[in-house]
Protein backbone atom coordinates (compact mmCIF):
# COMPACT_ATOMS: atom_id res chain seq x y z
CA UNK A 1 0.00 0.00 0.00
CA UNK A 2 1.03 3.61 -0.54
CA UNK A 3 1.40 4.98 2.99
CA UNK A 4 2.03 8.36 4.54
CA UNK A 5 3.67 7.93 7.94
CA UNK A 6 3.13 10.59 10.62
CA UNK A 7 5.09 10.43 13.88
CA UNK A 8 7.74 12.18 15.93
CA UNK A 9 9.30 10.50 19.04
CA UNK A 10 11.19 7.25 19.52
CA UNK A 11 7.87 5.53 20.33
CA UNK A 12 6.86 5.85 16.67
CA UNK A 13 10.06 4.52 15.09
CA UNK A 14 9.31 0.77 15.52
CA UNK A 15 5.93 1.35 13.86
CA UNK A 16 7.62 2.98 10.86
CA UNK A 17 10.20 0.19 10.65
CA UNK A 18 7.51 -2.51 10.85
CA UNK A 19 5.44 -0.92 8.08
CA UNK A 20 8.49 -0.77 5.82
CA UNK A 21 9.53 -4.34 6.68
CA UNK A 22 6.03 -5.55 5.79
CA UNK A 23 6.64 -4.42 2.22
CA UNK A 24 4.51 -1.29 2.12
CA UNK A 25 5.65 1.81 0.23
CA UNK A 26 6.07 4.73 2.60
CA UNK A 27 5.81 7.60 0.12
CA UNK A 28 6.35 10.40 2.66
CA UNK A 29 6.89 10.93 6.37
CA UNK A 30 5.54 13.82 8.41
CA UNK A 31 7.19 14.77 11.69
CA UNK A 32 7.43 17.68 14.11
CA UNK A 33 9.97 20.36 13.09
CA UNK A 34 13.53 20.04 14.45
CA UNK A 35 13.83 21.33 18.03
CA UNK A 36 16.79 22.79 19.98
CA UNK A 37 18.50 20.08 22.04
CA UNK A 38 21.74 19.35 23.84
CA UNK A 39 24.18 21.76 25.44
CA UNK A 40 24.58 23.79 22.28
CA UNK A 41 20.80 23.95 21.73
CA UNK A 42 21.30 23.07 18.08
CA UNK A 43 18.26 22.10 16.06
CA UNK A 44 17.84 18.32 16.14
CA UNK A 45 15.55 16.33 13.83
CA UNK A 46 13.10 14.01 15.57
CA UNK A 47 13.76 10.24 15.82
CA UNK A 48 11.16 9.58 13.12
CA UNK A 49 12.72 12.24 10.89
CA UNK A 50 16.12 10.54 11.17
CA UNK A 51 14.72 7.03 10.68
CA UNK A 52 12.73 8.03 7.59
CA UNK A 53 15.71 9.78 6.01
CA UNK A 54 17.82 6.67 6.62
CA UNK A 55 15.37 4.80 4.39
CA UNK A 56 15.48 7.51 1.72
CA UNK A 57 11.94 8.68 2.51
CA UNK A 58 10.95 12.31 1.96
CA UNK A 59 10.30 14.06 5.28
CA UNK A 60 7.99 17.03 5.74
CA UNK A 61 7.96 19.07 8.96
CA UNK A 62 5.16 21.65 8.79
CA UNK A 63 4.40 23.71 11.88
CA UNK A 64 0.70 23.22 11.15
CA UNK A 65 -1.46 21.30 8.70
CA UNK A 66 -4.23 23.90 8.76
CA UNK A 67 -3.04 26.08 5.82
CA UNK A 68 -4.76 25.13 2.57
CA UNK A 69 -1.44 24.61 0.80
CA UNK A 70 -0.48 21.99 3.38
CA UNK A 71 -3.80 20.18 2.95
CA UNK A 72 -3.40 20.24 -0.83
CA UNK A 73 0.18 18.97 -0.64
CA UNK A 74 -0.93 16.10 1.61
CA UNK A 75 -3.80 15.13 -0.70
CA UNK A 76 -1.55 15.32 -3.77
CA UNK A 77 0.51 12.39 -2.45
CA UNK A 78 -2.34 10.07 -3.37
CA UNK A 79 -1.89 7.76 -0.37
CA UNK A 80 -3.98 4.68 0.29
CA UNK A 81 -3.75 5.30 4.05
CA UNK A 82 -1.92 7.39 6.63
CA UNK A 83 -0.35 5.67 9.64
CA UNK A 84 -0.10 7.95 12.69
CA UNK A 85 1.92 7.31 15.86
CA UNK A 86 2.50 10.10 18.38
CA UNK A 87 2.71 12.74 15.67
CA UNK A 88 1.85 15.71 17.90
CA UNK A 89 -0.27 17.84 15.55
CA UNK A 90 -4.03 17.85 15.12
CA UNK A 91 -5.12 16.60 11.71
CA UNK A 92 -7.74 18.72 9.92
CA UNK A 93 -10.75 16.92 8.45
CA UNK A 94 -9.39 17.44 4.93
CA UNK A 95 -6.24 15.54 5.91
CA UNK A 96 -8.17 12.79 7.71
CA UNK A 97 -10.29 12.18 4.63
CA UNK A 98 -7.62 12.51 1.94
CA UNK A 99 -6.29 8.90 1.87
CA UNK A 100 -8.60 6.21 0.49
CA UNK A 101 -8.70 4.39 3.84
CA UNK A 102 -8.31 7.49 5.98
CA UNK A 103 -5.84 7.76 8.88
CA UNK A 104 -5.05 4.98 11.36
CA UNK A 105 -3.59 5.80 14.77
CA UNK A 106 -1.50 3.76 17.22
CA UNK A 107 -2.65 4.78 20.72
CA UNK A 108 -0.86 3.58 23.86
CA UNK A 109 -3.89 2.53 25.92
CA UNK A 110 -6.98 0.38 25.63
CA UNK A 111 -9.46 2.98 24.50
CA UNK A 112 -11.72 4.53 25.59
CA UNK A 113 -9.63 4.57 28.78
CA UNK A 114 -6.94 7.24 28.74
CA UNK A 115 -7.61 9.25 25.64
CA UNK A 116 -5.14 12.10 25.30
CA UNK A 117 -1.51 13.06 25.57
CA UNK A 118 -0.14 10.93 28.44
CA UNK A 119 -1.90 7.55 28.53
CA UNK A 120 1.10 5.56 29.77
CA UNK A 121 1.87 7.85 32.70
CA UNK A 122 -1.79 8.17 33.69
CA UNK A 123 -2.30 4.41 33.69
CA UNK A 124 0.68 3.91 36.02
CA UNK A 125 -0.34 6.76 38.34
CA UNK A 126 -3.87 5.38 38.62
CA UNK A 127 -2.58 1.95 39.60
CA UNK A 128 -4.17 0.24 36.60
CA UNK A 129 -3.17 -3.46 36.52
CA UNK A 130 -3.17 -3.58 32.71
CA UNK A 131 -2.90 -1.30 29.71
CA UNK A 132 -2.25 -1.92 26.03
CA UNK A 133 -2.46 -0.60 22.50
CA UNK A 134 -5.40 0.39 20.31
CA UNK A 135 -5.38 0.83 16.54
CA UNK A 136 -8.20 3.21 15.73
CA UNK A 137 -9.69 4.96 12.73
CA UNK A 138 -9.05 8.65 13.28
CA UNK A 139 -11.80 11.26 13.19
CA UNK A 140 -12.06 14.93 14.14
CA UNK A 141 -12.22 14.41 17.93
CA UNK A 142 -9.15 13.66 20.06
CA UNK A 143 -8.77 9.86 20.19
CA UNK A 144 -12.53 9.45 19.69
CA UNK A 145 -12.50 7.29 16.56
CA UNK A 146 -13.75 3.71 16.30
CA UNK A 147 -11.39 0.96 17.50
CA UNK A 148 -10.13 -1.60 14.99
CA UNK A 149 -7.81 -3.80 17.04
CA UNK A 150 -6.53 -3.89 20.64
CA UNK A 151 -3.96 -5.88 22.61
CA UNK A 152 -3.37 -5.76 26.37
CA UNK A 153 -0.32 -6.17 28.60
CA UNK A 154 0.30 -6.09 32.35
CA UNK A 155 1.83 -2.99 33.91
CA UNK A 156 3.33 -4.75 36.97
CA UNK A 157 6.32 -2.68 38.21
CA UNK A 158 7.32 -1.23 34.82
CA UNK A 159 8.40 2.37 34.40
CA UNK A 160 6.85 4.63 31.80
CA UNK A 161 9.97 4.24 29.69
CA UNK A 162 9.87 0.44 29.84
CA UNK A 163 6.16 0.35 29.13
CA UNK A 164 6.51 2.76 26.19
CA UNK A 165 9.07 0.46 24.58
CA UNK A 166 6.82 -2.56 25.03
CA UNK A 167 3.72 -0.80 23.74
CA UNK A 168 5.59 0.63 20.77
CA UNK A 169 6.64 -2.86 19.66
CA UNK A 170 3.12 -4.17 20.27
CA UNK A 171 1.59 -1.29 18.31
CA UNK A 172 3.92 -1.98 15.40
CA UNK A 173 2.75 -5.60 15.24
CA UNK A 174 -0.92 -4.62 15.42
CA UNK A 175 -0.59 -1.95 12.73
CA UNK A 176 0.91 -4.46 10.30
CA UNK A 177 -2.02 -6.80 11.00
CA UNK A 178 -4.55 -4.03 10.40
CA UNK A 179 -2.90 -2.92 7.16
CA UNK A 180 -2.93 -6.48 5.85
CA UNK A 181 -6.65 -6.74 6.56
CA UNK A 182 -7.56 -3.24 5.43
CA UNK A 183 -8.54 -3.90 1.77
CA UNK A 184 -10.91 -6.70 2.86
CA UNK A 185 -12.27 -4.82 5.89
CA UNK A 186 -12.85 -8.03 7.87
CA UNK A 187 -12.26 -6.26 11.19
CA UNK A 188 -15.30 -4.20 12.09
CA UNK A 189 -14.38 -0.97 13.98
CA UNK A 190 -16.09 -0.65 17.34
CA UNK A 191 -17.36 2.68 18.71
CA UNK A 192 -16.07 4.05 22.02
CA UNK A 193 -18.17 4.72 25.10
CA UNK A 194 -17.33 6.06 28.58
CA UNK A 195 -13.93 7.66 28.02
CA UNK A 196 -11.37 8.76 30.60
CA UNK A 197 -8.84 11.43 29.70
CA UNK A 198 -5.05 11.38 30.02
CA UNK A 199 -4.11 15.02 30.46
CA UNK A 200 -0.66 16.23 29.44
CA UNK A 201 1.92 15.88 32.22
CA UNK A 202 2.76 19.08 34.10
CA UNK A 203 6.32 19.06 35.44
CA UNK A 204 4.98 20.20 38.81
CA UNK A 205 3.30 16.79 39.14
CA UNK A 206 6.74 15.20 39.39
CA UNK A 207 7.44 16.67 42.85
CA UNK A 208 7.14 14.00 45.54
CA UNK A 209 4.75 14.97 48.34
CA UNK A 210 5.59 12.74 51.29
CA UNK A 211 2.28 13.40 53.01
CA UNK A 212 0.83 10.94 50.48
CA UNK A 213 1.12 7.17 50.86
CA UNK A 214 4.33 5.47 49.77
CA UNK A 215 2.54 3.22 47.25
CA UNK A 216 1.25 6.27 45.38
CA UNK A 217 4.69 7.88 45.42
CA UNK A 218 6.31 4.69 44.09
CA UNK A 219 3.86 4.77 41.14
CA UNK A 220 4.72 8.43 40.67
CA UNK A 221 8.41 7.51 40.44
CA UNK A 222 7.70 4.88 37.78
CA UNK A 223 5.29 7.10 35.85
CA UNK A 224 7.89 9.85 35.47
CA UNK A 225 10.91 7.64 34.76
CA UNK A 226 12.99 8.38 32.82
CA UNK A 227 11.44 11.80 32.07
CA UNK A 228 10.79 14.26 33.61
CA UNK A 229 11.81 12.30 36.72
CA UNK A 230 10.05 12.45 40.09
CA UNK A 231 12.04 14.60 42.50
CA UNK A 232 12.48 16.04 45.98
CA UNK A 233 14.64 18.93 47.17
CA UNK A 234 17.40 18.80 49.77
CA UNK A 235 19.56 21.78 50.77
CA UNK A 236 18.31 23.71 47.74
CA UNK A 237 19.21 20.94 45.29
CA UNK A 238 16.70 19.02 43.22
CA UNK A 239 17.32 15.26 43.35
CA UNK A 240 15.53 13.09 40.83
CA UNK A 241 14.27 9.67 41.90
CA UNK A 242 14.30 7.15 39.05
CA UNK A 243 13.52 4.02 41.07
CA UNK A 244 12.22 3.41 44.58
CA UNK A 245 10.71 0.75 46.83
CA UNK A 246 7.99 0.80 49.45
CA UNK A 247 9.21 0.00 52.97
CA UNK A 248 6.79 -1.04 55.70
CA UNK A 249 7.86 1.51 58.30
CA UNK A 250 6.14 4.53 59.79
CA UNK A 251 7.30 7.94 60.98
CA UNK A 252 6.78 11.67 60.59
CA UNK A 253 5.97 12.27 56.92
CA UNK A 254 8.92 13.74 55.03
CA UNK A 255 11.55 12.66 57.59
CA UNK A 256 14.32 10.14 56.95
CA UNK A 257 14.07 7.06 59.15
CA UNK A 258 17.66 5.86 58.72
CA UNK A 259 20.92 6.68 56.96
CA UNK A 260 19.79 4.82 53.79
CA UNK A 261 17.33 7.55 52.73
CA UNK A 262 14.20 5.72 53.81
CA UNK A 263 11.65 8.55 53.91
CA UNK A 264 8.48 8.32 56.00
CA UNK A 265 5.28 9.03 54.06
CA UNK A 266 1.65 9.58 54.97
CA UNK A 267 1.40 5.80 55.02
CA UNK A 268 4.46 3.51 55.06
CA UNK A 269 7.82 4.75 53.73
CA UNK A 270 9.65 5.21 50.43
CA UNK A 271 13.29 4.31 49.84
CA UNK A 272 14.81 5.67 46.60
CA UNK A 273 17.15 3.14 44.97
CA UNK A 274 18.26 5.05 41.83
CA UNK A 275 18.74 8.82 42.01
CA UNK A 276 20.23 11.61 39.92
CA UNK A 277 21.69 14.89 41.07
CA UNK A 278 21.72 17.94 38.79
CA UNK A 279 24.40 17.65 36.12
CA UNK A 280 25.39 14.13 37.17
CA UNK A 281 24.57 10.66 35.85
CA UNK A 282 22.00 8.42 37.49
CA UNK A 283 23.45 6.32 40.31
CA UNK A 284 22.49 3.96 43.10
CA UNK A 285 21.35 5.83 46.20
CA UNK A 286 24.13 4.28 48.28
CA UNK A 287 26.72 5.80 45.94
CA UNK A 288 25.17 9.26 46.25
CA UNK A 289 25.02 9.02 50.04
CA UNK A 290 28.73 8.28 50.24
CA UNK A 291 29.42 11.72 48.79
CA UNK A 292 26.37 13.49 50.20
CA UNK A 293 25.17 11.87 53.44
CA UNK A 294 21.55 12.44 54.47
CA UNK A 295 21.35 11.19 58.08
CA UNK A 296 18.33 9.82 59.91
CA UNK A 297 15.98 12.53 61.17
CA UNK A 298 16.55 14.83 58.19
CA UNK A 299 13.48 16.64 56.85
CA UNK A 300 12.98 16.15 53.11
CA UNK A 301 10.80 18.42 51.00
């Protein structure tokens, strides 16, 4: 099939690679414009941009698809279908309707639960036991289109980064299945009812509030690992917590219970196991404490 691929972050790259490996012709890739990154703040193409170029695929990076010339340029490609994975721009109706089979989206949740920008993080924060991937037919609303195929997986103790990698690979497999079936339309899309919304993550949500229970804070750590990283502050320094465990001890919330950085919470206690200081690599907590001791009885904010 003649396919337009639309995606931006690393999550979308396995989907692009799977579509190509399945023998489809990706005639063009759309991605977010290059952004400043690194110490020099030089413009860096997105992961999808780089992957598409490596395959010799034309890459377009419009700031918006709303201008008529962008809609016309999209339609002129004459695609059979557009495959969308974490693209990051709203698609106008003219774009959604341009390909013969419309636009298919890889969404990292079992819709209609967790429509929106941060489905992986919201599922972990909520303590959901399972999540998954949905391939849906896109329409004007945000993640409101009918569902074509879904596949579930357990969350267990996975971080957002680990779960994103798993769901990306799963979404790639499902998209190839859907594309193979598409001309025959054997899979009947199912409408969505009773949605919950996965709002975009605000960096302020990453601050650990030790008046909450330790189990909630441990989910918070996993939901924000590796980025933006849950954190607390000590002596004016922000320390990111990338992994932690719940310890069955009690004490005054926000106070360390020992010299191993076991911090009392509203219920039980949290012990960070992987931390990162500003400008330094991630390290085991014990290694940090050798250079920066935080003794028992210290108040943590």
